[in-house]
Amino acid sequence: MKPKYIPLVLVCFLLFGLAVQVITRQIQQERLQKRRIILGDLFFKGRVINSKIYDYGGRNYRLVCLKLDSGNRKDLYIFNDRCAIKIKDSIATFSAGGDDPNFVIDYIMVNVQKNVSTYHYKNGNTTTDVIDLEPQGLSVSDMNFCR
């Protein structure tokens, strides 16, 4: 490649990277808006009182039961391809994502308006991430695990 084409190639790579970043951000914003339409201003926090490991796509996931300390919904049931959560009698049931035996979840806080979920683990670590209440392989019958 001749040296005079190197700046052109670099500019093309930069433009491609920028386009990918813009498209990714737009997709994330669309997902957030759809999640807010489905979940509204949902907020809750509580301690894990029970959980179950289940397999989905060859990977272990954890279904959790939270005894809610606080929240803004008494009862809620949503099960579709974007969201799976049940709140009944101050107990929330949902998938907490991939299971890692080194990070056993103890306490969870979810705030849809801020698009944040915070996980406190029994080993003392804490993680904060974008909310993910997707079904992740759960079935309708799994939503009754936390009776």
Protein backbone atom coordinates (compact mmCIF):
# COMPACT_ATOMS: atom_id res chain seq x y z
CA MET A 1 0.00 0.00 0.00
CA LYS A 2 1.32 3.38 -0.91
CA PRO A 3 1.88 5.84 1.95
CA LYS A 4 -0.54 8.41 0.48
CA TYR A 5 -3.46 5.97 1.00
CA ILE A 6 -2.73 5.34 4.68
CA PRO A 7 -4.50 8.52 5.93
CA LEU A 8 -7.53 7.67 3.77
CA VAL A 9 -7.69 4.15 5.21
CA LEU A 10 -7.37 5.51 8.76
CA VAL A 11 -10.18 8.00 8.15
CA CYS A 12 -12.38 5.19 6.79
CA PHE A 13 -11.72 3.08 9.91
CA LEU A 14 -12.50 6.03 12.17
CA LEU A 15 -15.75 6.77 10.33
CA PHE A 16 -16.75 3.11 10.49
CA GLY A 17 -16.03 3.00 14.24
CA LEU A 18 -18.01 6.17 14.81
CA ALA A 19 -20.96 4.81 12.81
CA VAL A 20 -20.96 1.59 14.86
CA GLN A 21 -20.90 3.60 18.09
CA VAL A 22 -23.78 5.85 17.00
CA ILE A 23 -25.91 2.90 15.87
CA THR A 24 -25.19 0.99 19.10
CA ARG A 25 -26.17 3.97 21.23
CA GLN A 26 -29.38 4.43 19.23
CA ILE A 27 -30.32 0.75 19.65
CA GLN A 28 -29.66 0.96 23.40
CA GLN A 29 -31.87 4.05 23.68
CA GLU A 30 -34.68 2.31 21.76
CA ARG A 31 -34.45 -0.72 24.07
CA LEU A 32 -34.51 1.56 27.11
CA GLN A 33 -37.62 3.36 25.85
CA LYS A 34 -39.40 0.04 25.18
CA ARG A 35 -38.41 -1.20 28.65
CA ARG A 36 -39.76 2.00 30.23
CA ILE A 37 -43.03 1.59 28.34
CA ILE A 38 -43.36 -1.96 29.67
CA LEU A 39 -42.11 -1.38 33.23
CA GLY A 40 -42.94 2.28 33.79
CA ASP A 41 -41.23 3.73 36.85
CA LEU A 42 -40.64 0.37 38.55
CA PHE A 43 -38.35 0.50 41.57
CA PHE A 44 -37.67 -2.19 44.15
CA LYS A 45 -34.98 -3.53 46.44
CA GLY A 46 -34.72 -6.57 48.61
CA ARG A 47 -32.81 -9.53 49.97
CA VAL A 48 -32.54 -12.85 48.15
CA ILE A 49 -34.49 -15.43 50.15
CA ASN A 50 -34.35 -18.28 47.65
CA SER A 51 -32.85 -19.05 44.26
CA LYS A 52 -32.59 -21.77 41.69
CA ILE A 53 -29.95 -22.47 39.06
CA TYR A 54 -31.31 -23.36 35.63
CA ASP A 55 -29.73 -24.11 32.26
CA TYR A 56 -30.31 -22.00 29.18
CA GLY A 57 -28.27 -22.29 26.02
CA GLY A 58 -25.64 -24.43 27.72
CA ARG A 59 -25.01 -21.85 30.46
CA ASN A 60 -26.16 -21.67 34.08
CA TYR A 61 -28.49 -18.85 35.09
CA ARG A 62 -29.99 -17.96 38.47
CA LEU A 63 -33.69 -17.42 39.16
CA VAL A 64 -34.06 -15.36 42.34
CA CYS A 65 -36.76 -14.70 44.91
CA LEU A 66 -36.42 -11.32 46.63
CA LYS A 67 -38.18 -10.39 49.84
CA LEU A 68 -38.78 -6.72 49.08
CA ASP A 69 -37.71 -4.08 51.59
CA SER A 70 -39.31 -1.38 49.47
CA GLY A 71 -40.79 -0.83 46.06
CA ASN A 72 -43.45 1.08 44.22
CA ARG A 73 -45.58 -1.85 43.01
CA LYS A 74 -47.56 -4.24 45.19
CA ASP A 75 -48.37 -6.65 42.37
CA LEU A 76 -46.88 -6.97 38.91
CA TYR A 77 -46.70 -9.76 36.38
CA ILE A 78 -45.00 -9.36 33.03
CA PHE A 79 -43.85 -12.27 30.91
CA ASN A 80 -42.96 -11.69 27.28
CA ASP A 81 -39.88 -11.87 25.04
CA ARG A 82 -38.45 -8.65 26.56
CA CYS A 83 -39.23 -8.97 30.23
CA ALA A 84 -40.01 -11.61 32.87
CA ILE A 85 -40.84 -10.41 36.36
CA LYS A 86 -43.44 -11.19 38.97
CA ILE A 87 -44.10 -9.26 42.18
CA LYS A 88 -46.68 -10.67 44.55
CA ASP A 89 -47.02 -10.47 48.35
CA SER A 90 -43.76 -8.45 48.59
CA ILE A 91 -41.75 -11.14 46.79
CA ALA A 92 -40.17 -10.50 43.38
CA THR A 93 -39.30 -13.34 41.00
CA PHE A 94 -36.98 -12.85 38.02
CA SER A 95 -33.77 -14.06 36.38
CA ALA A 96 -30.67 -12.47 37.88
CA GLY A 97 -28.54 -13.44 34.89
CA GLY A 98 -25.63 -15.81 34.56
CA ASP A 99 -24.66 -17.80 37.64
CA ASP A 100 -21.16 -17.57 39.11
CA PRO A 101 -20.57 -19.60 42.29
CA ASN A 102 -17.96 -17.02 43.39
CA PHE A 103 -20.57 -14.24 43.30
CA VAL A 104 -23.68 -15.42 45.16
CA ILE A 105 -26.23 -12.61 45.17
CA ASP A 106 -27.42 -11.38 48.57
CA TYR A 107 -29.27 -8.10 47.85
CA ILE A 108 -30.61 -6.45 44.67
CA MET A 109 -31.81 -2.91 43.87
CA VAL A 110 -33.57 -2.11 40.56
CA ASN A 111 -34.50 1.36 39.28
CA VAL A 112 -36.04 1.47 35.80
CA GLN A 113 -36.01 5.29 35.58
CA LYS A 114 -32.25 5.33 36.08
CA ASN A 115 -31.85 2.13 34.01
CA VAL A 116 -29.75 0.65 36.82
CA SER A 117 -29.64 -2.60 38.74
CA THR A 118 -27.22 -3.03 41.65
CA TYR A 119 -26.21 -6.44 42.94
CA HIS A 120 -24.63 -6.95 46.36
CA TYR A 121 -22.88 -10.30 46.76
CA LYS A 122 -22.26 -12.40 49.87
CA ASN A 123 -18.50 -11.97 49.39
CA GLY A 124 -18.87 -8.20 49.90
CA ASN A 125 -18.55 -7.14 46.24
CA THR A 126 -21.08 -4.91 44.51
CA THR A 127 -21.81 -4.43 40.81
CA THR A 128 -24.00 -1.85 39.10
CA ASP A 129 -25.14 -2.41 35.55
CA VAL A 130 -27.85 -1.66 33.01
CA ILE A 131 -31.14 -3.34 33.89
CA ASP A 132 -31.69 -6.73 32.31
CA LEU A 133 -35.00 -8.32 33.22
CA GLU A 134 -35.18 -10.45 30.08
CA PRO A 135 -36.57 -14.00 30.42
CA GLN A 136 -33.22 -15.66 29.66
CA GLY A 137 -34.85 -19.04 29.11
CA LEU A 138 -37.44 -18.86 31.88
CA SER A 139 -40.82 -20.48 31.36
CA VAL A 140 -44.18 -19.28 32.62
CA SER A 141 -44.14 -22.03 35.27
CA ASP A 142 -40.77 -20.77 36.58
CA MET A 143 -42.48 -17.53 37.57
CA ASN A 144 -44.32 -19.48 40.32
CA PHE A 145 -41.10 -20.74 41.94
CA CYS A 146 -41.17 -18.16 44.75
CA ARG A 147 -44.70 -18.74 46.04
